[in-house]
Amino acid sequence: MRTFGINGTFATRPSPTKLLLVGLFLLSCLTGCATVPEAKRANSSVADNSAAATETSQSQADTRPIKPFAVDSLYDLLVADMALTRSEFDTALPIYLQQARETRDSAVIELAARVAGYRRDHQASLEMALLWLELEPENPVAHDIAMQSHALMGDAFGALHHAHWLYENLDDLEGFLAVTSIKLEKPQISQLISAYQKLELSSDKQPTVLLASAILLRDIDLLKDAEAKARQFVAAQPDNERGLLLLAQILHQQDRVKEGTVLIADALERQPENRQLRLQYARFLTLTDRNKAIAEFETLRQQNPMDQEINFLLALLLHNQGNAERAEILFTEATQQPSLRADSQFHLGNIAENRGDVLAATKHYAQVRFGRNFLPAVSRMTILLNRQYGLTTARQNLRRLRAEQPQQSVALFQTVFL
């Protein structure tokens, strides 16, 4: 077979055309080959690839032994590389996959895996990751891609195998627990709990199995069992924020808010600077003591005045307690965050309406274009337009809204004019 080494020697002399193509391919590789987006994890519950894994992969790549390639393989790889530079993924991917299988070269396999991941071909991405692990069983990036691929295909058990390795070797706690978020039927969740409990981990990491079990038991509404596991975990790691918050939430789900409040209050005495614990404490207090809740939210706001979620929650409490002036200021600040803008505008409209400023109220309600308060905002705006300007104006506004949002037509037709 004709082979080409990096040193430029040939077993047999290739054609001038292929020599030119091989030269171009090598040049493109030396200057960066094709740019392929990095593989990302399955969803909001799976974190980004660990920096340690990427750094390790790069270090391994620098020390990979140079191996010869068949000229035909180099030619095919050049074709795939050129296709990739033109974003012709459907042309590039099959070639990369085939050459990865034939050459069993880790660099080609990695590129094939990343292109497959970018194209959301999870089966191909998994195949490449497993092939990569045959060559480099300790490669963290290959384990990470395999975990992602299993997760994206709904295979929690396959994902757990690689998440276990990453947790034990790279302290990837997020990936280890993210497996619990993969959607499964109830019997499968019970099996996944068993799979977690059979894992062998170092003594300092073994309690995390209790945490994962508690999360899964809560998901299938076995709240007493979930509470027991969470308490065991907190007993092993008393100041673990994640465990404390989970146990508090489980208590809340059982209508035991006071117990949850005491739990978090005790933890805050030991960790007064822990923002997440204080936020949970403030939320519990909204159910039991709103004045204390306001005080806690004020503390959180002092720590970070630009946290718009805190501003929004504090504004809700102040508005409920009758402090419309301060609430208006905070709702206005909260509109800076896109996810809070619609709800903040709705409440600003309500505040303006209550003080009799119809023009300001309608302007605020008009800014609510989506979300849970969209229809209530339309209803209030329609009522105000009808009262202020007459039925014709109100109906014209509704026709405009139906044209802009046809998916809401039925609901908009039912809007009242009281």
Protein backbone atom coordinates (compact mmCIF):
# COMPACT_ATOMS: atom_id res chain seq x y z
CA MET A 1 0.00 0.00 0.00
CA ARG A 2 1.24 3.47 -0.76
CA THR A 3 1.99 5.37 2.44
CA PHE A 4 2.97 8.95 3.21
CA GLY A 5 4.91 9.91 6.29
CA ILE A 6 5.32 13.34 7.78
CA ASN A 7 8.96 13.18 6.74
CA GLY A 8 7.82 13.22 3.09
CA THR A 9 8.88 9.69 2.09
CA PHE A 10 6.73 7.46 -0.10
CA ALA A 11 6.63 3.70 -0.41
CA THR A 12 5.63 4.26 -4.06
CA ARG A 13 5.62 7.42 -6.10
CA PRO A 14 2.15 9.11 -6.22
CA SER A 15 0.80 11.16 -9.06
CA PRO A 16 1.74 14.89 -9.25
CA THR A 17 -1.91 15.83 -8.65
CA LYS A 18 -2.10 13.89 -5.41
CA LEU A 19 1.27 15.31 -4.33
CA LEU A 20 -0.15 18.79 -4.72
CA LEU A 21 -3.33 17.89 -2.83
CA VAL A 22 -1.39 16.26 -0.01
CA GLY A 23 0.82 19.33 0.25
CA LEU A 24 -2.23 21.56 0.47
CA PHE A 25 -3.75 19.31 3.11
CA LEU A 26 -0.63 19.39 5.26
CA LEU A 27 -0.40 23.14 4.91
CA SER A 28 -4.05 23.53 5.95
CA CYS A 29 -3.45 21.33 8.99
CA LEU A 30 -0.37 23.29 10.01
CA THR A 31 -2.40 26.50 9.86
CA GLY A 32 -5.38 25.14 11.75
CA CYS A 33 -7.22 22.70 9.43
CA ALA A 34 -10.94 23.45 9.62
CA THR A 35 -12.64 25.21 12.46
CA VAL A 36 -15.19 22.99 14.17
CA PRO A 37 -17.18 24.18 17.19
CA GLU A 38 -16.29 22.46 20.45
CA ALA A 39 -18.64 19.73 21.61
CA LYS A 40 -21.09 20.93 24.25
CA ARG A 41 -22.96 19.00 26.91
CA ALA A 42 -26.51 17.74 26.57
CA ASN A 43 -28.56 20.55 28.20
CA SER A 44 -28.87 23.26 31.01
CA SER A 45 -28.34 20.58 33.49
CA VAL A 46 -25.01 19.31 31.90
CA ALA A 47 -22.07 21.70 32.39
CA ASP A 48 -19.48 22.78 29.81
CA ASN A 49 -16.48 20.55 29.07
CA SER A 50 -13.97 20.76 31.91
CA ALA A 51 -10.90 22.90 31.34
CA ALA A 52 -8.79 20.13 32.76
CA ALA A 53 -10.08 17.67 30.18
CA THR A 54 -9.38 20.05 27.32
CA GLU A 55 -5.91 20.89 28.62
CA THR A 56 -5.10 17.20 29.02
CA SER A 57 -6.31 16.49 25.49
CA GLN A 58 -4.16 19.26 24.08
CA SER A 59 -1.14 17.98 25.96
CA GLN A 60 -1.75 14.49 24.65
CA ALA A 61 -2.15 15.84 21.12
CA ASP A 62 1.27 17.51 21.36
CA THR A 63 2.93 14.21 22.25
CA ARG A 64 1.03 11.91 19.90
CA PRO A 65 3.40 9.78 17.85
CA ILE A 66 3.62 10.61 14.16
CA LYS A 67 2.16 7.77 12.10
CA PRO A 68 2.12 7.27 8.34
CA PHE A 69 -1.08 7.63 6.32
CA ALA A 70 -2.04 6.10 3.02
CA VAL A 71 -2.04 8.74 0.29
CA ASP A 72 -5.65 7.85 -0.49
CA SER A 73 -6.55 8.62 3.12
CA LEU A 74 -4.79 11.97 2.96
CA TYR A 75 -6.61 12.78 -0.26
CA ASP A 76 -9.99 11.91 1.30
CA LEU A 77 -9.17 13.93 4.38
CA LEU A 78 -8.28 16.90 2.21
CA VAL A 79 -11.64 16.61 0.45
CA ALA A 80 -13.40 16.51 3.84
CA ASP A 81 -11.33 19.42 5.13
CA MET A 82 -12.18 21.57 2.13
CA ALA A 83 -15.87 20.66 2.50
CA LEU A 84 -15.73 21.62 6.16
CA THR A 85 -14.28 25.04 5.38
CA ARG A 86 -17.34 25.56 3.18
CA SER A 87 -19.68 24.31 5.94
CA GLU A 88 -20.61 21.31 3.76
CA PHE A 89 -21.00 19.05 6.77
CA ASP A 90 -23.01 16.36 5.00
CA THR A 91 -20.05 15.86 2.67
CA ALA A 92 -17.33 16.13 5.30
CA LEU A 93 -18.76 14.00 8.09
CA PRO A 94 -19.06 10.62 6.29
CA ILE A 95 -15.48 10.95 5.05
CA TYR A 96 -14.12 11.81 8.48
CA LEU A 97 -16.02 8.89 10.00
CA GLN A 98 -14.71 6.44 7.42
CA GLN A 99 -11.14 7.67 7.74
CA ALA A 100 -11.36 7.54 11.53
CA ARG A 101 -12.36 3.87 11.28
CA GLU A 102 -9.66 3.07 8.75
CA THR A 103 -6.72 5.03 10.16
CA ARG A 104 -7.63 4.67 13.87
CA ASP A 105 -5.72 7.91 14.32
CA SER A 106 -6.77 9.77 17.46
CA ALA A 107 -6.59 13.21 15.84
CA VAL A 108 -8.84 12.13 12.97
CA ILE A 109 -11.19 10.42 15.42
CA GLU A 110 -11.41 13.56 17.56
CA LEU A 111 -12.22 15.72 14.54
CA ALA A 112 -14.86 13.25 13.39
CA ALA A 113 -16.38 13.18 16.87
CA ARG A 114 -16.58 16.95 17.06
CA VAL A 115 -18.10 17.33 13.60
CA ALA A 116 -20.64 14.63 14.47
CA GLY A 117 -21.45 16.41 17.73
CA TYR A 118 -21.90 19.71 15.93
CA ARG A 119 -24.24 18.02 13.46
CA ARG A 120 -26.10 16.39 16.34
CA ASP A 121 -25.37 12.94 14.98
CA HIS A 122 -25.19 11.51 18.47
CA GLN A 123 -24.75 7.91 17.36
CA ALA A 124 -21.73 8.80 15.23
CA SER A 125 -20.33 10.99 17.98
CA LEU A 126 -20.63 8.11 20.43
CA GLU A 127 -19.02 5.68 18.00
CA MET A 128 -16.03 8.00 17.61
CA ALA A 129 -15.71 8.59 21.35
CA LEU A 130 -15.69 4.87 22.05
CA LEU A 131 -13.17 4.28 19.27
CA TRP A 132 -11.01 7.03 20.74
CA LEU A 133 -11.21 5.36 24.16
CA GLU A 134 -10.01 2.07 22.65
CA LEU A 135 -6.82 3.91 21.76
CA GLU A 136 -6.63 6.21 24.78
CA PRO A 137 -8.67 4.74 27.67
CA GLU A 138 -7.69 7.58 30.00
CA ASN A 139 -8.58 10.44 27.65
CA PRO A 140 -10.97 12.75 29.54
CA VAL A 141 -12.33 14.52 26.46
CA ALA A 142 -13.27 11.19 24.89
CA HIS A 143 -15.06 10.21 28.12
CA ASP A 144 -16.82 13.57 28.15
CA ILE A 145 -18.02 13.27 24.54
CA ALA A 146 -19.18 9.71 25.21
CA MET A 147 -21.13 10.90 28.26
CA GLN A 148 -22.76 13.70 26.28
CA SER A 149 -23.69 11.40 23.42
CA HIS A 150 -25.27 8.82 25.72
CA ALA A 151 -27.17 11.59 27.52
CA LEU A 152 -28.47 13.12 24.30
CA MET A 153 -29.76 9.71 23.24
CA GLY A 154 -31.50 9.23 26.60
CA ASP A 155 -29.13 6.49 27.75
CA ALA A 156 -28.58 7.42 31.40
CA PHE A 157 -26.78 4.19 32.20
CA GLY A 158 -24.22 4.64 29.44
CA ALA A 159 -23.76 8.28 30.46
CA LEU A 160 -23.26 7.28 34.09
CA HIS A 161 -20.36 4.98 33.19
CA HIS A 162 -18.37 7.90 31.77
CA ALA A 163 -19.65 10.42 34.34
CA HIS A 164 -18.35 8.07 37.03
CA TRP A 165 -14.88 8.05 35.43
CA LEU A 166 -14.85 11.84 35.06
CA TYR A 167 -15.94 12.37 38.66
CA GLU A 168 -13.41 9.95 40.10
CA ASN A 169 -10.53 11.21 37.97
CA LEU A 170 -11.35 14.88 37.31
CA ASP A 171 -13.75 15.82 40.14
CA ASP A 172 -16.49 16.54 37.56
CA LEU A 173 -19.35 16.71 40.05
CA GLU A 174 -21.66 18.55 37.65
CA GLY A 175 -21.49 15.79 35.05
CA PHE A 176 -21.92 13.12 37.73
CA LEU A 177 -25.14 14.68 39.00
CA ALA A 178 -26.36 15.83 35.59
CA VAL A 179 -27.11 12.21 34.71
CA THR A 180 -30.03 12.46 37.14
CA SER A 181 -31.69 15.00 34.81
CA ILE A 182 -31.94 12.59 31.85
CA LYS A 183 -35.62 11.92 31.23
CA LEU A 184 -36.57 8.36 32.19
CA GLU A 185 -39.67 6.36 33.03
CA LYS A 186 -40.28 5.62 36.69
CA PRO A 187 -39.00 1.99 36.58
CA GLN A 188 -35.83 3.17 34.87
CA ILE A 189 -35.28 5.80 37.55
CA SER A 190 -35.37 3.06 40.19
CA GLN A 191 -32.79 1.14 38.14
CA LEU A 192 -30.64 4.26 37.84
CA ILE A 193 -30.70 4.69 41.62
CA SER A 194 -29.42 1.12 41.93
CA ALA A 195 -26.74 1.83 39.33
CA TYR A 196 -25.54 4.85 41.30
CA GLN A 197 -25.46 2.85 44.52
CA LYS A 198 -23.28 0.15 42.93
CA LEU A 199 -20.58 2.62 41.91
CA GLU A 200 -17.21 2.43 43.62
CA LEU A 201 -15.86 5.84 44.55
CA SER A 202 -13.16 7.14 46.84
CA SER A 203 -14.29 7.70 50.42
CA ASP A 204 -14.54 11.48 50.05
CA LYS A 205 -16.77 11.16 46.96
CA GLN A 206 -18.94 8.21 48.02
CA PRO A 207 -21.51 10.37 49.89
CA THR A 208 -22.41 12.04 46.58
CA VAL A 209 -24.24 8.84 45.67
CA LEU A 210 -26.66 9.68 48.49
CA LEU A 211 -27.24 13.10 46.96
CA ALA A 212 -27.89 11.65 43.50
CA SER A 213 -30.26 9.08 44.99
CA ALA A 214 -32.18 11.79 46.85
CA ILE A 215 -32.59 13.80 43.64
CA LEU A 216 -33.94 10.78 41.77
CA LEU A 217 -36.24 9.69 44.60
CA ARG A 218 -37.72 13.19 44.71
CA ASP A 219 -38.32 13.00 40.96
CA ILE A 220 -40.57 9.96 41.44
CA ASP A 221 -42.33 11.55 44.45
CA LEU A 222 -40.86 9.20 47.04
CA LEU A 223 -40.35 12.19 49.30
CA LYS A 224 -39.82 10.33 52.57
CA ASP A 225 -37.11 8.18 51.01
CA ALA A 226 -35.62 11.25 49.33
CA GLU A 227 -35.57 13.07 52.67
CA ALA A 228 -33.80 10.14 54.34
CA LYS A 229 -31.07 10.05 51.69
CA ALA A 230 -30.68 13.83 51.76
CA ARG A 231 -30.35 13.78 55.56
CA GLN A 232 -27.68 11.07 55.33
CA PHE A 233 -25.78 13.21 52.84
CA VAL A 234 -26.05 16.36 54.98
CA ALA A 235 -24.89 14.36 58.00
CA ALA A 236 -21.78 13.39 56.03
CA GLN A 237 -21.25 16.90 54.63
CA PRO A 238 -23.04 19.35 56.97
CA ASP A 239 -22.06 22.51 55.10
CA ASN A 240 -22.66 21.28 51.56
CA GLU A 241 -24.82 23.95 49.91
CA ARG A 242 -26.34 21.62 47.34
CA GLY A 243 -27.36 19.05 49.94
CA LEU A 244 -28.84 21.65 52.28
CA LEU A 245 -30.87 23.25 49.51
CA LEU A 246 -32.14 19.88 48.29
CA LEU A 247 -33.22 18.82 51.77
CA ALA A 248 -34.95 22.17 52.31
CA GLN A 249 -36.81 21.82 49.02
CA ILE A 250 -37.90 18.28 49.89
CA LEU A 251 -39.25 19.54 53.22
CA HIS A 252 -41.09 22.32 51.38
CA GLN A 253 -42.69 19.76 49.05
CA GLN A 254 -44.04 18.03 52.16
CA ASP A 255 -45.52 21.32 53.46
CA ARG A 256 -42.89 21.50 56.19
CA VAL A 257 -41.75 25.02 55.44
CA LYS A 258 -40.91 25.87 59.04
CA GLU A 259 -38.52 22.92 59.27
CA GLY A 260 -36.91 23.96 56.01
CA THR A 261 -36.58 27.55 57.28
CA VAL A 262 -34.89 26.40 60.50
CA LEU A 263 -32.53 24.15 58.52
CA ILE A 264 -31.37 27.00 56.29
CA ALA A 265 -31.23 29.50 59.17
CA ASP A 266 -28.90 27.19 61.10
CA ALA A 267 -26.71 26.76 58.02
CA LEU A 268 -26.57 30.55 57.56
CA GLU A 269 -25.19 30.96 61.07
CA ARG A 270 -22.23 28.86 59.95
CA GLN A 271 -22.05 30.38 56.45
CA PRO A 272 -23.36 33.96 56.70
CA GLU A 273 -21.82 34.93 53.33
CA ASN A 274 -23.48 32.10 51.38
CA ARG A 275 -25.74 33.89 48.91
CA GLN A 276 -27.69 30.85 47.71
CA LEU A 277 -28.57 29.80 51.24
CA ARG A 278 -29.70 33.34 52.09
CA LEU A 279 -31.82 33.48 48.95
CA GLN A 280 -33.56 30.21 49.88
CA TYR A 281 -34.05 31.51 53.41
CA ALA A 282 -35.63 34.71 52.08
CA ARG A 283 -37.96 32.72 49.82
CA PHE A 284 -39.12 30.57 52.74
CA LEU A 285 -39.75 33.71 54.78
CA THR A 286 -42.10 35.04 52.09
CA LEU A 287 -44.43 32.22 53.20
CA THR A 288 -44.08 32.80 56.93
CA ASP A 289 -42.88 36.36 57.67
CA ARG A 290 -42.86 38.86 54.81
CA ASN A 291 -41.27 41.67 56.78
CA LYS A 292 -38.30 39.43 57.58
CA ALA A 293 -38.27 38.31 53.97
CA ILE A 294 -37.98 41.93 52.83
CA ALA A 295 -35.07 42.43 55.23
CA GLU A 296 -33.27 39.40 53.80
CA PHE A 297 -33.86 40.51 50.22
CA GLU A 298 -32.57 43.97 51.14
CA THR A 299 -29.38 42.31 52.42
CA LEU A 300 -29.03 40.40 49.17
CA ARG A 301 -29.56 43.59 47.19
CA GLN A 302 -26.90 45.42 49.19
CA GLN A 303 -24.46 42.64 48.35
CA ASN A 304 -25.20 42.96 44.63
CA PRO A 305 -27.47 45.82 43.50
CA MET A 306 -27.22 44.61 39.87
CA ASP A 307 -28.81 41.22 40.58
CA GLN A 308 -32.08 41.85 38.76
CA GLU A 309 -33.75 38.68 40.03
CA ILE A 310 -33.31 39.94 43.58
CA ASN A 311 -34.60 43.37 42.55
CA PHE A 312 -37.65 41.78 40.97
CA LEU A 313 -38.47 39.54 43.96
CA LEU A 314 -37.97 42.43 46.39
CA ALA A 315 -40.19 44.63 44.22
CA LEU A 316 -42.96 42.00 44.34
CA LEU A 317 -42.83 41.92 48.12
CA LEU A 318 -42.77 45.70 48.45
CA HIS A 319 -45.65 46.05 45.97
CA ASN A 320 -47.64 43.50 47.95
CA GLN A 321 -46.92 45.39 51.16
CA GLY A 322 -48.13 48.68 49.62
CA ASN A 323 -44.78 50.34 48.96
CA ALA A 324 -45.52 51.09 45.31
CA GLU A 325 -42.98 53.90 44.99
CA ARG A 326 -39.96 51.74 45.88
CA ALA A 327 -41.40 48.77 43.98
CA GLU A 328 -41.66 50.89 40.83
CA ILE A 329 -37.98 51.79 41.01
CA LEU A 330 -36.95 48.13 41.40
CA PHE A 331 -39.29 46.84 38.69
CA THR A 332 -37.81 49.45 36.35
CA GLU A 333 -34.31 48.18 37.12
CA ALA A 334 -35.44 44.59 36.59
CA THR A 335 -36.57 45.38 33.03
CA GLN A 336 -32.87 45.41 32.12
CA GLN A 337 -32.89 41.60 32.27
CA PRO A 338 -34.70 40.17 29.21
CA SER A 339 -36.16 37.21 31.10
CA LEU A 340 -37.78 39.55 33.63
CA ARG A 341 -38.77 42.37 31.29
CA ALA A 342 -42.32 41.26 30.45
CA ASP A 343 -43.34 40.51 34.04
CA SER A 344 -41.75 43.73 35.28
CA GLN A 345 -43.62 45.77 32.66
CA PHE A 346 -46.89 44.15 33.71
CA HIS A 347 -46.40 45.14 37.33
CA LEU A 348 -45.28 48.63 36.32
CA GLY A 349 -48.51 48.90 34.36
CA ASN A 350 -50.46 47.84 37.42
CA ILE A 351 -48.72 50.45 39.58
CA ALA A 352 -49.39 53.21 37.02
CA GLU A 353 -53.03 52.12 36.69
CA ASN A 354 -53.52 52.19 40.46
CA ARG A 355 -52.36 55.78 40.63
CA GLY A 356 -54.63 56.76 37.73
CA ASP A 357 -51.99 57.27 35.04
CA VAL A 358 -53.79 55.56 32.14
CA LEU A 359 -51.29 56.62 29.48
CA ALA A 360 -48.31 55.22 31.39
CA ALA A 361 -50.24 52.07 32.27
CA THR A 362 -51.16 51.31 28.65
CA LYS A 363 -47.56 51.91 27.57
CA HIS A 364 -46.28 49.43 30.15
CA TYR A 365 -48.96 46.83 29.32
CA ALA A 366 -48.10 47.17 25.63
CA GLN A 367 -44.53 46.07 26.41
CA VAL A 368 -45.78 42.68 27.65
CA ARG A 369 -45.55 40.68 24.42
CA PHE A 370 -45.13 37.14 25.78
CA GLY A 371 -45.20 35.06 28.94
CA ARG A 372 -47.70 34.31 31.64
CA ASN A 373 -48.80 37.94 31.94
CA PHE A 374 -49.36 38.54 28.24
CA LEU A 375 -53.13 37.92 28.25
CA PRO A 376 -53.73 39.69 31.60
CA ALA A 377 -51.81 42.70 30.23
CA VAL A 378 -53.89 42.69 27.02
CA SER A 379 -57.07 42.47 29.08
CA ARG A 380 -56.11 45.42 31.30
CA MET A 381 -54.94 47.48 28.29
CA THR A 382 -58.20 46.75 26.43
CA ILE A 383 -60.27 47.83 29.41
CA LEU A 384 -58.29 51.06 29.79
CA LEU A 385 -58.45 51.89 26.07
CA ASN A 386 -62.20 51.25 26.03
CA ARG A 387 -62.77 53.51 29.03
CA GLN A 388 -60.41 56.25 27.88
CA TYR A 389 -60.82 56.28 24.11
CA GLY A 390 -63.85 54.14 23.31
CA LEU A 391 -64.70 50.71 21.96
CA THR A 392 -63.41 51.37 18.44
CA THR A 393 -59.88 52.09 19.67
CA ALA A 394 -59.90 49.04 21.91
CA ARG A 395 -61.03 46.77 19.06
CA GLN A 396 -58.44 48.23 16.68
CA ASN A 397 -55.73 47.40 19.19
CA LEU A 398 -57.00 43.83 19.50
CA ARG A 399 -57.04 43.40 15.72
CA ARG A 400 -53.44 44.59 15.59
CA LEU A 401 -52.42 42.13 18.29
CA ARG A 402 -54.19 39.24 16.52
CA ALA A 403 -52.29 40.07 13.34
CA GLU A 404 -48.99 40.21 15.22
CA GLN A 405 -49.60 37.05 17.25
CA PRO A 406 -51.97 34.76 15.33
CA GLN A 407 -51.25 31.89 17.74
CA GLN A 408 -53.07 33.91 20.41
CA SER A 409 -56.08 34.74 18.22
CA VAL A 410 -58.61 32.60 20.08
CA ALA A 411 -57.63 33.96 23.47
CA LEU A 412 -57.58 37.52 22.13
CA PHE A 413 -61.08 37.13 20.70
CA GLN A 414 -62.24 36.30 24.23
CA THR A 415 -60.77 39.46 25.76
CA VAL A 416 -63.42 41.38 27.71
CA PHE A 417 -64.24 45.08 27.55
CA LEU A 418 -65.44 45.66 31.09
